[in-house]
N, C-alpha and C. Protein backbone atom coordinates (compact mmCIF):
# COMPACT_ATOMS: atom_id res chain seq x y z
N MET A 1 298.37 129.55 223.40
CA MET A 1 298.64 130.51 222.17
C MET A 1 300.11 130.52 221.63
N VAL A 2 300.95 130.38 222.90
CA VAL A 2 302.47 130.78 222.59
C VAL A 2 302.98 129.14 221.92
N ASP A 3 302.41 128.21 222.06
CA ASP A 3 302.39 126.77 221.17
C ASP A 3 302.09 127.18 219.61
N LEU A 4 300.90 127.96 219.41
CA LEU A 4 300.80 128.12 217.90
C LEU A 4 302.05 129.07 217.39
N GLU A 5 302.17 129.84 218.05
CA GLU A 5 303.45 130.79 217.55
C GLU A 5 304.57 130.15 217.50
N ARG A 6 305.17 129.44 218.37
CA ARG A 6 306.32 128.50 218.40
C ARG A 6 306.33 127.28 217.06
N PHE A 7 304.78 126.81 216.80
CA PHE A 7 304.80 125.96 216.02
C PHE A 7 305.05 126.64 214.37
N ALA A 8 304.31 127.93 214.17
CA ALA A 8 304.55 128.61 213.18
C ALA A 8 306.13 129.24 212.97
N ALA A 9 306.63 129.29 213.63
CA ALA A 9 307.94 129.93 213.83
C ALA A 9 309.06 128.65 213.21
N GLU A 10 308.53 127.38 213.77
CA GLU A 10 309.33 126.37 213.43
C GLU A 10 309.17 125.89 212.15
N THR A 11 307.77 126.18 211.42
CA THR A 11 307.21 125.76 210.10
C THR A 11 308.04 126.79 209.27
N MET A 12 308.13 127.90 209.53
CA MET A 12 308.60 128.89 208.87
C MET A 12 309.98 128.67 208.66
N ALA A 13 310.99 128.36 209.61
CA ALA A 13 312.34 128.11 209.78
C ALA A 13 312.66 126.71 208.95
N TYR A 14 311.64 125.78 208.92
CA TYR A 14 312.01 124.57 208.31
C TYR A 14 312.16 124.89 206.67
N PHE A 15 310.91 125.47 206.28
CA PHE A 15 310.72 126.05 204.69
C PHE A 15 311.87 126.98 204.10
N ARG A 16 312.15 127.57 204.96
CA ARG A 16 313.42 128.60 204.75
C ARG A 16 314.67 127.98 204.40
N ALA A 17 315.00 127.02 205.54
CA ALA A 17 316.02 126.30 205.56
C ALA A 17 316.20 125.16 203.96
N LEU A 18 315.23 124.67 203.85
CA LEU A 18 314.93 123.86 202.65
C LEU A 18 315.23 124.78 201.36
N ASP A 19 314.66 126.09 201.25
CA ASP A 19 314.72 127.04 200.28
C ASP A 19 316.26 127.39 199.98
N GLU A 20 316.81 127.71 200.99
CA GLU A 20 318.17 128.54 201.14
C GLU A 20 319.10 127.35 200.95
N ALA A 21 318.96 126.15 201.18
CA ALA A 21 319.95 125.06 201.14
C ALA A 21 319.75 124.06 199.79
N ALA A 22 318.49 124.33 199.23
CA ALA A 22 318.40 123.52 198.01
C ALA A 22 319.47 123.48 196.77
N THR A 23 319.75 122.27 196.23
CA THR A 23 320.79 122.33 195.29
C THR A 23 320.06 121.62 194.31
N GLN A 24 318.56 120.97 194.09
CA GLN A 24 318.16 120.59 193.07
C GLN A 24 316.67 121.27 193.46
N ARG A 25 316.09 121.62 192.32
CA ARG A 25 314.81 122.41 192.57
C ARG A 25 313.90 121.79 191.37
N TYR A 26 312.50 121.41 191.38
CA TYR A 26 311.59 120.90 190.33
C TYR A 26 310.36 121.61 190.20
N HIS A 27 310.11 121.66 189.31
CA HIS A 27 308.77 122.65 188.97
C HIS A 27 307.88 122.03 188.46
N PHE A 28 306.57 122.46 188.76
CA PHE A 28 305.41 121.67 188.30
C PHE A 28 304.04 122.56 188.07
N ARG A 29 303.47 121.99 187.22
CA ARG A 29 301.99 122.80 187.01
C ARG A 29 300.83 121.93 187.26
N HIS A 30 299.41 122.17 187.95
CA HIS A 30 298.41 121.55 187.78
C HIS A 30 297.28 122.46 187.70
N ALA A 31 296.60 122.03 186.80
CA ALA A 31 295.09 122.65 186.78
C ALA A 31 294.01 121.79 187.48
N ASP A 32 293.45 123.09 188.41
CA ASP A 32 292.23 122.50 189.35
C ASP A 32 290.86 122.39 188.46
N GLU A 33 289.90 122.08 189.36
CA GLU A 33 288.71 121.91 188.86
C GLU A 33 288.08 123.16 188.45
N GLU A 34 288.38 124.16 189.05
CA GLU A 34 287.85 125.62 188.98
C GLU A 34 288.51 126.49 187.61
N GLY A 35 289.37 125.81 187.27
CA GLY A 35 289.98 126.46 185.75
C GLY A 35 291.44 127.21 186.28
N GLY A 36 291.36 127.17 187.56
CA GLY A 36 293.00 127.76 188.14
C GLY A 36 294.13 126.88 187.80
N LEU A 37 295.27 127.27 187.59
CA LEU A 37 296.34 126.88 187.67
C LEU A 37 297.25 126.94 188.75
N TRP A 38 297.90 125.62 189.13
CA TRP A 38 299.00 125.75 190.63
C TRP A 38 300.50 125.48 189.90
N TYR A 39 301.10 126.50 190.30
CA TYR A 39 302.62 126.29 190.15
C TYR A 39 303.60 125.80 191.34
N ILE A 40 304.34 124.94 191.41
CA ILE A 40 304.73 124.44 192.38
C ILE A 40 306.35 124.36 192.15
N GLU A 41 307.30 124.97 193.19
CA GLU A 41 308.60 124.32 193.34
C GLU A 41 308.73 123.50 194.54
N ALA A 42 309.45 122.75 194.16
CA ALA A 42 309.68 121.58 195.30
C ALA A 42 311.28 121.30 195.26
N VAL A 43 311.61 120.56 196.49
CA VAL A 43 313.15 120.06 196.53
C VAL A 43 312.97 118.77 197.51
N PRO A 44 313.95 118.12 197.32
CA PRO A 44 314.00 116.82 197.79
C PRO A 44 314.47 117.02 199.27
N ASP A 45 313.81 116.09 200.33
CA ASP A 45 313.95 116.42 201.61
C ASP A 45 313.48 114.75 201.93
N ARG A 46 314.54 114.04 202.67
CA ARG A 46 314.36 112.79 203.28
C ARG A 46 313.62 111.92 202.47
N GLY A 47 313.83 111.59 201.26
CA GLY A 47 313.51 111.08 200.41
C GLY A 47 312.05 111.44 199.68
N GLU A 48 311.53 112.37 200.00
CA GLU A 48 310.41 113.15 199.47
C GLU A 48 310.47 114.62 198.87
N LEU A 49 309.48 115.03 197.82
CA LEU A 49 309.62 116.26 197.43
C LEU A 49 308.62 116.87 198.10
N VAL A 50 309.50 118.16 198.51
CA VAL A 50 308.71 119.00 199.33
C VAL A 50 308.29 120.34 198.83
N ALA A 51 307.04 120.72 198.59
CA ALA A 51 307.01 122.07 198.02
C ALA A 51 307.58 123.11 198.85
N ILE A 52 308.48 124.36 198.16
CA ILE A 52 308.82 125.33 199.19
C ILE A 52 308.18 126.41 198.66
N LYS A 53 307.53 126.53 197.25
CA LYS A 53 307.19 127.43 196.71
C LYS A 53 305.71 127.04 196.07
N GLN A 54 304.61 128.07 196.12
CA GLN A 54 303.40 127.49 195.48
C GLN A 54 302.67 128.82 195.03
N ALA A 55 302.31 129.02 193.93
CA ALA A 55 301.53 129.87 193.19
C ALA A 55 300.31 129.35 192.75
N GLU A 56 299.03 130.08 192.80
CA GLU A 56 298.01 129.86 192.37
C GLU A 56 297.21 130.92 191.32
N LEU A 57 297.04 130.51 190.26
CA LEU A 57 296.63 131.69 189.21
C LEU A 57 295.24 131.07 189.08
N THR A 58 294.31 132.14 189.62
CA THR A 58 293.10 131.76 189.60
C THR A 58 292.26 131.85 188.13
N SER A 59 291.15 131.22 187.78
CA SER A 59 290.61 131.47 186.81
C SER A 59 290.07 133.01 186.54
N ALA A 60 290.10 133.57 187.37
CA ALA A 60 289.93 135.19 187.38
C ALA A 60 291.32 136.07 187.14
N GLY A 61 292.27 135.33 187.15
CA GLY A 61 293.23 136.23 186.94
C GLY A 61 294.06 136.68 188.40
N ARG A 62 293.38 136.30 189.36
CA ARG A 62 294.47 136.63 190.61
C ARG A 62 295.42 135.58 190.98
N LEU A 63 296.62 136.22 191.55
CA LEU A 63 297.70 135.42 191.78
C LEU A 63 297.77 135.44 193.03
N HIS A 64 298.05 134.14 193.78
CA HIS A 64 298.24 133.72 195.18
C HIS A 64 299.63 133.10 195.49
N ARG A 65 300.24 133.71 196.29
CA ARG A 65 301.80 133.17 196.46
C ARG A 65 302.09 132.75 197.67
N TYR A 66 302.50 131.45 197.74
CA TYR A 66 303.00 130.97 199.43
C TYR A 66 304.35 130.66 199.46
N SER A 67 305.02 130.67 200.57
CA SER A 67 306.28 130.34 200.53
C SER A 67 306.87 130.38 201.99
N TRP A 68 308.14 130.18 202.47
CA TRP A 68 308.12 130.48 203.99
C TRP A 68 307.92 131.87 204.42
N GLU A 69 308.28 132.76 203.42
CA GLU A 69 307.83 134.29 203.85
C GLU A 69 306.66 134.28 203.87
N HIS A 70 305.68 133.72 203.39
CA HIS A 70 303.92 134.01 203.36
C HIS A 70 303.32 132.56 203.17
N LEU A 71 303.41 131.82 204.44
CA LEU A 71 302.92 130.70 204.64
C LEU A 71 301.13 130.63 204.29
N GLU A 72 300.52 131.24 204.81
CA GLU A 72 299.07 131.08 204.40
C GLU A 72 298.33 132.72 204.33
N ASP A 73 297.34 132.40 203.90
CA ASP A 73 296.30 133.53 203.94
C ASP A 73 294.63 133.04 203.92
N GLU A 74 294.17 134.01 203.69
CA GLU A 74 292.58 133.87 203.81
C GLU A 74 292.42 132.98 202.49
N HIS A 75 292.82 132.90 201.58
CA HIS A 75 292.96 132.40 200.01
C HIS A 75 293.33 130.86 200.11
N GLY A 76 294.35 130.58 201.20
CA GLY A 76 294.97 129.27 201.24
C GLY A 76 296.34 129.06 201.53
N GLY A 77 297.18 128.09 201.46
CA GLY A 77 298.49 128.50 201.98
C GLY A 77 299.46 126.97 201.42
N LEU A 78 300.62 127.17 202.04
CA LEU A 78 301.71 126.20 201.22
C LEU A 78 301.30 124.72 201.69
N THR A 79 301.22 124.00 200.92
CA THR A 79 300.86 122.72 201.47
C THR A 79 301.91 122.03 202.31
N ASP A 80 301.52 121.37 203.36
CA ASP A 80 302.62 120.74 204.16
C ASP A 80 302.43 119.20 203.95
N GLN A 81 301.90 118.72 202.59
CA GLN A 81 302.12 117.10 202.42
C GLN A 81 303.30 117.31 201.25
N ALA A 82 303.93 116.11 201.27
CA ALA A 82 304.76 115.62 200.11
C ALA A 82 304.09 115.78 198.89
N ILE A 83 304.85 116.01 197.82
CA ILE A 83 304.70 116.16 196.44
C ILE A 83 305.05 114.79 195.80
N ASP A 84 303.81 113.81 195.11
CA ASP A 84 303.94 113.08 194.24
C ASP A 84 303.72 113.30 192.75
N PRO A 85 304.45 113.57 192.12
CA PRO A 85 304.26 114.20 190.73
C PRO A 85 302.90 113.24 189.86
N GLU A 86 303.09 111.96 190.02
CA GLU A 86 302.27 111.15 189.13
C GLU A 86 301.00 110.84 190.07
N GLU A 87 300.99 110.75 191.54
CA GLU A 87 299.83 110.58 192.10
C GLU A 87 298.88 112.11 192.04
N ASP A 88 299.61 113.33 192.04
CA ASP A 88 298.78 114.30 192.29
C ASP A 88 298.65 114.83 190.85
N LEU A 89 299.21 114.06 189.69
CA LEU A 89 298.87 114.67 188.47
C LEU A 89 299.46 115.96 187.83
N LEU A 90 300.74 115.94 188.16
CA LEU A 90 301.44 117.19 188.11
C LEU A 90 302.32 117.28 186.68
N GLU A 91 302.46 118.35 185.95
CA GLU A 91 303.01 118.35 184.89
C GLU A 91 304.38 118.96 185.13
N ILE A 92 305.49 118.45 184.70
CA ILE A 92 306.86 118.93 185.02
C ILE A 92 306.68 120.22 183.90
N ILE A 93 307.22 121.41 184.44
CA ILE A 93 307.56 122.69 183.67
C ILE A 93 309.02 123.06 183.89
N PRO A 94 309.31 123.73 182.83
CA PRO A 94 310.62 124.61 182.77
C PRO A 94 310.85 125.31 184.05
N THR A 95 312.02 125.63 184.66
CA THR A 95 312.16 126.63 185.65
C THR A 95 311.67 128.04 185.10
N GLU A 96 311.67 128.50 183.68
CA GLU A 96 311.73 129.70 183.61
C GLU A 96 310.30 130.06 183.69
N GLU A 97 309.31 129.10 183.35
CA GLU A 97 307.95 129.19 183.20
C GLU A 97 307.34 129.31 184.80
N PHE A 98 307.97 128.53 185.54
CA PHE A 98 307.57 128.76 186.98
C PHE A 98 307.97 130.36 187.60
N GLN A 99 309.22 130.78 187.27
CA GLN A 99 309.74 131.94 187.58
C GLN A 99 308.92 133.15 187.09
N ARG A 100 308.55 133.01 185.80
CA ARG A 100 307.36 134.00 184.99
C ARG A 100 306.25 134.21 186.01
N VAL A 101 305.85 132.99 186.16
CA VAL A 101 304.77 133.29 187.20
C VAL A 101 304.66 133.64 188.42
N TRP A 102 305.91 133.27 189.20
CA TRP A 102 306.09 133.72 190.56
C TRP A 102 306.67 134.99 190.75
N THR A 103 307.05 135.39 189.76
CA THR A 103 307.58 137.08 189.81
C THR A 103 306.69 138.06 189.26
N GLN A 104 305.26 137.68 188.81
CA GLN A 104 304.41 138.44 188.32
C GLN A 104 304.16 139.62 189.30
C-alpha cells in the first residue's frame, strides 16, 4: 500500500511541476462518441505534449476536471499518455475557451 501512496505522490508532484514551470501551453478540444466534449491543456515535456489539465463536459452537462490537484475520481482521470493532436483528432482552441470551461 505504501508503494501506491508514494506513486500517487510522485505523479502529483510531476504534474504540479509541469504546471508551475510551464512557459508554453497548448489548448485542445475533442468530441467523444457519447456527445461529450473534452478540453485539454498540455505543455511540452521531453519532446512530447503532456496534458496537465483536462475537463470533460458530458452530453448531460456535467463537468469533470482533472489536474495535479485532482488526478482521478469515479468518472475518470487525467491522462498519463502523451498528446498527439493529429493522431488523437484534437482541435486547437483559444486559451480563453479552455479557461471558460475550466473555471465553470
